């Protein structure tokens, strides 16, 4: 949540974000994601890849830390 807030991607709660990921890539619908499911799912979905990349971009966090 903190990384999303710093990056300005707060249009989704952490729970909504997690639910969206599971809906898109939990292929066997067991309510759990293996690393393989997550990796394959993100690689297949360009929109999800972009969202995750932006949501977890730490460059703005580093700027905040460097600037005090």
PDB file of N, CA and C in Angstrom:
ATOM      1  N   UNK A   1       0.826  -1.187   0.000  1.00  0.00           N
ATOM      2  CA  UNK A   1       0.000   0.000   0.000  1.00  0.00           C
ATOM      3  C   UNK A   1       0.868   1.248   0.000  1.00  0.00           C
ATOM      4  N   UNK A   2       1.938   1.209   0.778  1.00  0.00           N
ATOM      5  CA  UNK A   2       2.810   2.378   0.861  1.00  0.00           C
ATOM      6  C   UNK A   2       3.476   2.668  -0.477  1.00  0.00           C
ATOM      7  N   UNK A   3       3.956   1.630  -1.145  1.00  0.00           N
ATOM      8  CA  UNK A   3       4.596   1.821  -2.450  1.00  0.00           C
ATOM      9  C   UNK A   3       3.582   2.356  -3.448  1.00  0.00           C
ATOM     10  N   UNK A   4       2.369   1.803  -3.438  1.00  0.00           N
ATOM     11  CA  UNK A   4       1.326   2.284  -4.339  1.00  0.00           C
ATOM     12  C   UNK A   4       1.012   3.744  -4.060  1.00  0.00           C
ATOM     13  N   UNK A   5       0.953   4.136  -2.799  1.00  0.00           N
ATOM     14  CA  UNK A   5       0.637   5.520  -2.441  1.00  0.00           C
ATOM     15  C   UNK A   5       1.735   6.471  -2.907  1.00  0.00           C
ATOM     16  N   UNK A   6       2.976   6.092  -2.705  1.00  0.00           N
ATOM     17  CA  UNK A   6       4.087   6.943  -3.126  1.00  0.00           C
ATOM     18  C   UNK A   6       4.112   7.086  -4.646  1.00  0.00           C
ATOM     19  N   UNK A   7       3.794   6.015  -5.347  1.00  0.00           N
ATOM     20  CA  UNK A   7       3.801   6.049  -6.809  1.00  0.00           C
ATOM     21  C   UNK A   7       2.532   6.645  -7.399  1.00  0.00           C
ATOM     22  N   UNK A   8       1.535   6.908  -6.572  1.00  0.00           N
ATOM     23  CA  UNK A   8       0.310   7.524  -7.055  1.00  0.00           C
ATOM     24  C   UNK A   8      -0.697   6.553  -7.628  1.00  0.00           C
ATOM     25  N   UNK A   9      -0.557   5.280  -7.352  1.00  0.00           N
ATOM     26  CA  UNK A   9      -1.493   4.278  -7.859  1.00  0.00           C
ATOM     27  C   UNK A   9      -2.391   3.806  -6.728  1.00  0.00           C
ATOM     28  N   UNK A  10      -3.283   4.681  -6.310  1.00  0.00           N
ATOM     29  CA  UNK A  10      -4.129   4.367  -5.164  1.00  0.00           C
ATOM     30  C   UNK A  10      -5.583   4.174  -5.561  1.00  0.00           C
ATOM     31  N   UNK A  11      -5.828   3.934  -6.858  1.00  0.00           N
ATOM     32  CA  UNK A  11      -7.213   3.755  -7.296  1.00  0.00           C
ATOM     33  C   UNK A  11      -7.768   2.395  -6.904  1.00  0.00           C
ATOM     34  N   UNK A  12      -6.939   1.537  -6.333  1.00  0.00           N
ATOM     35  CA  UNK A  12      -7.355   0.207  -5.902  1.00  0.00           C
ATOM     36  C   UNK A  12      -6.848  -0.039  -4.491  1.00  0.00           C
ATOM     37  N   UNK A  13      -7.662  -0.658  -3.679  1.00  0.00           N
ATOM     38  CA  UNK A  13      -7.165  -1.055  -2.361  1.00  0.00           C
ATOM     39  C   UNK A  13      -6.242  -2.258  -2.544  1.00  0.00           C
ATOM     40  N   UNK A  14      -5.470  -2.556  -1.518  1.00  0.00           N
ATOM     41  CA  UNK A  14      -4.587  -3.729  -1.583  1.00  0.00           C
ATOM     42  C   UNK A  14      -5.406  -4.992  -1.791  1.00  0.00           C
ATOM     43  N   UNK A  15      -6.579  -5.066  -1.154  1.00  0.00           N
ATOM     44  CA  UNK A  15      -7.445  -6.234  -1.306  1.00  0.00           C
ATOM     45  C   UNK A  15      -7.985  -6.337  -2.733  1.00  0.00           C
ATOM     46  N   UNK A  16      -8.412  -5.220  -3.303  1.00  0.00           N
ATOM     47  CA  UNK A  16      -8.906  -5.226  -4.685  1.00  0.00           C
ATOM     48  C   UNK A  16      -7.803  -5.631  -5.654  1.00  0.00           C
ATOM     49  N   UNK A  17      -6.597  -5.125  -5.417  1.00  0.00           N
ATOM     50  CA  UNK A  17      -5.439  -5.445  -6.249  1.00  0.00           C
ATOM     51  C   UNK A  17      -5.161  -6.946  -6.196  1.00  0.00           C
ATOM     52  N   UNK A  18      -5.154  -7.500  -4.984  1.00  0.00           N
ATOM     53  CA  UNK A  18      -4.906  -8.933  -4.805  1.00  0.00           C
ATOM     54  C   UNK A  18      -5.990  -9.767  -5.465  1.00  0.00           C
ATOM     55  N   UNK A  19      -7.246  -9.398  -5.265  1.00  0.00           N
ATOM     56  CA  UNK A  19      -8.355 -10.131  -5.883  1.00  0.00           C
ATOM     57  C   UNK A  19      -8.259 -10.111  -7.400  1.00  0.00           C
ATOM     58  N   UNK A  20      -7.909  -8.970  -7.964  1.00  0.00           N
ATOM     59  CA  UNK A  20      -7.768  -8.851  -9.415  1.00  0.00           C
ATOM     60  C   UNK A  20      -6.677  -9.784  -9.929  1.00  0.00           C
ATOM     61  N   UNK A  21      -5.558  -9.836  -9.214  1.00  0.00           N
ATOM     62  CA  UNK A  21      -4.458 -10.726  -9.618  1.00  0.00           C
ATOM     63  C   UNK A  21      -4.922 -12.178  -9.593  1.00  0.00           C
ATOM     64  N   UNK A  22      -5.587 -12.576  -8.516  1.00  0.00           N
ATOM     65  CA  UNK A  22      -6.048 -13.956  -8.406  1.00  0.00           C
ATOM     66  C   UNK A  22      -7.053 -14.282  -9.500  1.00  0.00           C
ATOM     67  N   UNK A  23      -7.964 -13.376  -9.799  1.00  0.00           N
ATOM     68  CA  UNK A  23      -8.961 -13.623 -10.847  1.00  0.00           C
ATOM     69  C   UNK A  23      -8.305 -13.827 -12.205  1.00  0.00           C
ATOM     70  N   UNK A  24      -7.230 -13.098 -12.444  1.00  0.00           N
ATOM     71  CA  UNK A  24      -6.574 -13.182 -13.744  1.00  0.00           C
ATOM     72  C   UNK A  24      -5.653 -14.386 -13.883  1.00  0.00           C
ATOM     73  N   UNK A  25      -4.968 -14.770 -12.795  1.00  0.00           N
ATOM     74  CA  UNK A  25      -3.896 -15.744 -13.002  1.00  0.00           C
ATOM     75  C   UNK A  25      -3.943 -16.988 -12.122  1.00  0.00           C
ATOM     76  N   UNK A  26      -4.929 -17.125 -11.246  1.00  0.00           N
ATOM     77  CA  UNK A  26      -5.057 -18.373 -10.470  1.00  0.00           C
ATOM     78  C   UNK A  26      -5.766 -19.391 -11.364  1.00  0.00           C
ATOM     79  N   UNK A  27      -4.989 -20.027 -12.242  1.00  0.00           N
ATOM     80  CA  UNK A  27      -5.563 -20.849 -13.309  1.00  0.00           C
ATOM     81  C   UNK A  27      -6.332 -22.065 -12.801  1.00  0.00           C
ATOM     82  N   UNK A  28      -5.939 -22.613 -11.667  1.00  0.00           N
ATOM     83  CA  UNK A  28      -6.653 -23.787 -11.172  1.00  0.00           C
ATOM     84  C   UNK A  28      -7.685 -23.419 -10.098  1.00  0.00           C
ATOM     85  N   UNK A  29      -7.865 -22.133  -9.859  1.00  0.00           N
ATOM     86  CA  UNK A  29      -8.876 -21.620  -8.926  1.00  0.00           C
ATOM     87  C   UNK A  29      -8.822 -22.267  -7.541  1.00  0.00           C
ATOM     88  N   UNK A  30      -7.606 -22.497  -7.043  1.00  0.00           N
ATOM     89  CA  UNK A  30      -7.478 -23.090  -5.714  1.00  0.00           C
ATOM     90  C   UNK A  30      -7.272 -22.037  -4.627  1.00  0.00           C
ATOM     91  N   UNK A  31      -7.281 -20.767  -5.011  1.00  0.00           N
ATOM     92  CA  UNK A  31      -7.112 -19.698  -4.033  1.00  0.00           C
ATOM     93  C   UNK A  31      -5.677 -19.483  -3.609  1.00  0.00           C
ATOM     94  N   UNK A  32      -4.754 -20.135  -4.299  1.00  0.00           N
ATOM     95  CA  UNK A  32      -3.336 -19.985  -4.007  1.00  0.00           C
ATOM     96  C   UNK A  32      -2.596 -19.774  -5.317  1.00  0.00           C
ATOM     97  N   UNK A  33      -1.533 -18.992  -5.252  1.00  0.00           N
ATOM     98  CA  UNK A  33      -0.701 -18.783  -6.435  1.00  0.00           C
ATOM     99  C   UNK A  33       0.678 -19.367  -6.188  1.00  0.00           C
ATOM    100  N   UNK A  34       1.077 -20.258  -7.074  1.00  0.00           N
ATOM    101  CA  UNK A  34       2.461 -20.716  -7.033  1.00  0.00           C
ATOM    102  C   UNK A  34       3.296 -19.655  -7.738  1.00  0.00           C
ATOM    103  N   UNK A  35       4.578 -19.701  -7.527  1.00  0.00           N
ATOM    104  CA  UNK A  35       5.467 -18.767  -8.218  1.00  0.00           C
ATOM    105  C   UNK A  35       5.330 -18.941  -9.722  1.00  0.00           C
ATOM    106  N   UNK A  36       5.179 -20.180 -10.157  1.00  0.00           N
ATOM    107  CA  UNK A  36       5.034 -20.468 -11.585  1.00  0.00           C
ATOM    108  C   UNK A  36       3.738 -19.866 -12.136  1.00  0.00           C
ATOM    109  N   UNK A  37       2.630 -20.022 -11.426  1.00  0.00           N
ATOM    110  CA  UNK A  37       1.364 -19.430 -11.865  1.00  0.00           C
ATOM    111  C   UNK A  37       1.492 -17.915 -11.961  1.00  0.00           C
ATOM    112  N   UNK A  38       2.081 -17.315 -10.932  1.00  0.00           N
ATOM    113  CA  UNK A  38       2.226 -15.862 -10.909  1.00  0.00           C
ATOM    114  C   UNK A  38       3.085 -15.384 -12.072  1.00  0.00           C
ATOM    115  N   UNK A  39       4.253 -15.986 -12.235  1.00  0.00           N
ATOM    116  CA  UNK A  39       5.184 -15.583 -13.288  1.00  0.00           C
ATOM    117  C   UNK A  39       4.559 -15.754 -14.668  1.00  0.00           C
ATOM    118  N   UNK A  40       3.996 -16.923 -14.930  1.00  0.00           N
ATOM    119  CA  UNK A  40       3.381 -17.180 -16.233  1.00  0.00           C
ATOM    120  C   UNK A  40       2.200 -16.258 -16.484  1.00  0.00           C
ATOM    121  N   UNK A  41       1.377 -16.037 -15.462  1.00  0.00           N
ATOM    122  CA  UNK A  41       0.207 -15.194 -15.618  1.00  0.00           C
ATOM    123  C   UNK A  41       0.561 -13.757 -15.927  1.00  0.00           C
ATOM    124  N   UNK A  42       1.554 -13.233 -15.229  1.00  0.00           N
ATOM    125  CA  UNK A  42       1.973 -11.850 -15.453  1.00  0.00           C
ATOM    126  C   UNK A  42       2.626 -11.713 -16.826  1.00  0.00           C
ATOM    127  N   UNK A  43       3.413 -12.686 -17.219  1.00  0.00           N
ATOM    128  CA  UNK A  43       4.066 -12.624 -18.528  1.00  0.00           C
ATOM    129  C   UNK A  43       3.058 -12.669 -19.670  1.00  0.00           C
ATOM    130  N   UNK A  44       1.917 -13.342 -19.478  1.00  0.00           N
ATOM    131  CA  UNK A  44       0.901 -13.464 -20.531  1.00  0.00           C
ATOM    132  C   UNK A  44      -0.022 -12.248 -20.614  1.00  0.00           C
ATOM    133  N   UNK A  45      -0.088 -11.452 -19.577  1.00  0.00           N
ATOM    134  CA  UNK A  45      -1.043 -10.353 -19.519  1.00  0.00           C
ATOM    135  C   UNK A  45      -0.298  -9.019 -19.483  1.00  0.00           C
ATOM    136  N   UNK A  46      -0.249  -8.335 -20.636  1.00  0.00           N
ATOM    137  CA  UNK A  46       0.509  -7.084 -20.741  1.00  0.00           C
ATOM    138  C   UNK A  46      -0.009  -6.013 -19.786  1.00  0.00           C
ATOM    139  N   UNK A  47      -1.320  -5.912 -19.650  1.00  0.00           N
ATOM    140  CA  UNK A  47      -1.894  -4.899 -18.755  1.00  0.00           C
ATOM    141  C   UNK A  47      -1.510  -5.165 -17.304  1.00  0.00           C
ATOM    142  N   UNK A  48      -1.559  -6.421 -16.917  1.00  0.00           N
ATOM    143  CA  UNK A  48      -1.187  -6.793 -15.559  1.00  0.00           C
ATOM    144  C   UNK A  48       0.297  -6.545 -15.320  1.00  0.00           C
ATOM    145  N   UNK A  49       1.122  -6.872 -16.306  1.00  0.00           N
ATOM    146  CA  UNK A  49       2.563  -6.626 -16.192  1.00  0.00           C
ATOM    147  C   UNK A  49       2.837  -5.138 -15.992  1.00  0.00           C
ATOM    148  N   UNK A  50       2.153  -4.305 -16.761  1.00  0.00           N
ATOM    149  CA  UNK A  50       2.338  -2.858 -16.640  1.00  0.00           C
ATOM    150  C   UNK A  50       1.880  -2.361 -15.266  1.00  0.00           C
ATOM    151  N   UNK A  51       0.733  -2.840 -14.822  1.00  0.00           N
ATOM    152  CA  UNK A  51       0.200  -2.430 -13.524  1.00  0.00           C
ATOM    153  C   UNK A  51       1.132  -2.824 -12.390  1.00  0.00           C
ATOM    154  N   UNK A  52       1.624  -4.045 -12.431  1.00  0.00           N
ATOM    155  CA  UNK A  52       2.527  -4.515 -11.375  1.00  0.00           C
ATOM    156  C   UNK A  52       3.846  -3.759 -11.431  1.00  0.00           C
ATOM    157  N   UNK A  53       4.352  -3.547 -12.631  1.00  0.00           N
ATOM    158  CA  UNK A  53       5.609  -2.811 -12.778  1.00  0.00           C
ATOM    159  C   UNK A  53       5.488  -1.412 -12.192  1.00  0.00           C
ATOM    160  N   UNK A  54       4.386  -0.734 -12.498  1.00  0.00           N
ATOM    161  CA  UNK A  54       4.186   0.611 -11.972  1.00  0.00           C
ATOM    162  C   UNK A  54       3.911   0.594 -10.479  1.00  0.00           C
ATOM    163  N   UNK A  55       3.128  -0.356 -10.032  1.00  0.00           N
ATOM    164  CA  UNK A  55       2.746  -0.408  -8.620  1.00  0.00           C
ATOM    165  C   UNK A  55       3.926  -0.701  -7.709  1.00  0.00           C
ATOM    166  N   UNK A  56       4.879  -1.467  -8.197  1.00  0.00           N
ATOM    167  CA  UNK A  56       5.993  -1.861  -7.354  1.00  0.00           C
ATOM    168  C   UNK A  56       7.313  -1.232  -7.781  1.00  0.00           C
ATOM    169  N   UNK A  57       7.222  -0.149  -8.535  1.00  0.00           N
ATOM    170  CA  UNK A  57       8.410   0.602  -8.927  1.00  0.00           C
ATOM    171  C   UNK A  57       8.958   1.308  -7.695  1.00  0.00           C
ATOM    172  N   UNK A  58      10.171   1.020  -7.339  1.00  0.00           N
ATOM    173  CA  UNK A  58      10.756   1.580  -6.131  1.00  0.00           C
ATOM    174  C   UNK A  58      11.555   2.853  -6.378  1.00  0.00           C
ATOM    175  N   UNK A  59      11.618   3.329  -7.623  1.00  0.00           N
ATOM    176  CA  UNK A  59      12.429   4.513  -7.904  1.00  0.00           C
ATOM    177  C   UNK A  59      11.922   5.742  -7.150  1.00  0.00           C
ATOM    178  N   UNK A  60      10.598   5.916  -7.045  1.00  0.00           N
ATOM    179  CA  UNK A  60      10.073   7.054  -6.295  1.00  0.00           C
ATOM    180  C   UNK A  60      10.339   6.909  -4.804  1.00  0.00           C
ATOM    181  N   UNK A  61      10.322   5.686  -4.310  1.00  0.00           N
ATOM    182  CA  UNK A  61      10.636   5.444  -2.899  1.00  0.00           C
ATOM    183  C   UNK A  61      12.071   5.852  -2.624  1.00  0.00           C
ATOM    184  N   UNK A  62      12.983   5.490  -3.518  1.00  0.00           N
ATOM    185  CA  UNK A  62      14.374   5.850  -3.345  1.00  0.00           C
ATOM    186  C   UNK A  62      14.577   7.367  -3.374  1.00  0.00           C
ATOM    187  N   UNK A  63      13.826   8.055  -4.245  1.00  0.00           N
ATOM    188  CA  UNK A  63      13.897   9.524  -4.296  1.00  0.00           C
ATOM    189  C   UNK A  63      13.443  10.136  -2.983  1.00  0.00           C
ATOM    190  N   UNK A  64      12.368   9.612  -2.415  1.00  0.00           N
ATOM    191  CA  UNK A  64      11.869  10.120  -1.133  1.00  0.00           C
ATOM    192  C   UNK A  64      12.909   9.916  -0.047  1.00  0.00           C
ATOM    193  N   UNK A  65      13.548   8.761  -0.028  1.00  0.00           N
ATOM    194  CA  UNK A  65      14.564   8.454   0.969  1.00  0.00           C
ATOM    195  C   UNK A  65      15.771   9.383   0.794  1.00  0.00           C
ATOM    196  N   UNK A  66      16.216   9.564  -0.450  1.00  0.00           N
ATOM    197  CA  UNK A  66      17.387  10.399  -0.715  1.00  0.00           C
ATOM    198  C   UNK A  66      17.132  11.863  -0.357  1.00  0.00           C
ATOM    199  N   UNK A  67      15.905  12.314  -0.578  1.00  0.00           N
ATOM    200  CA  UNK A  67      15.597  13.724  -0.316  1.00  0.00           C
ATOM    201  C   UNK A  67      15.146  13.980   1.122  1.00  0.00           C
ATOM    202  N   UNK A  68      15.158  12.950   1.914  1.00  0.00           N
ATOM    203  CA  UNK A  68      14.788  13.097   3.321  1.00  0.00           C
ATOM    204  C   UNK A  68      13.329  13.035   3.495  1.00  0.00           C
TER     205      UNK A  68
END
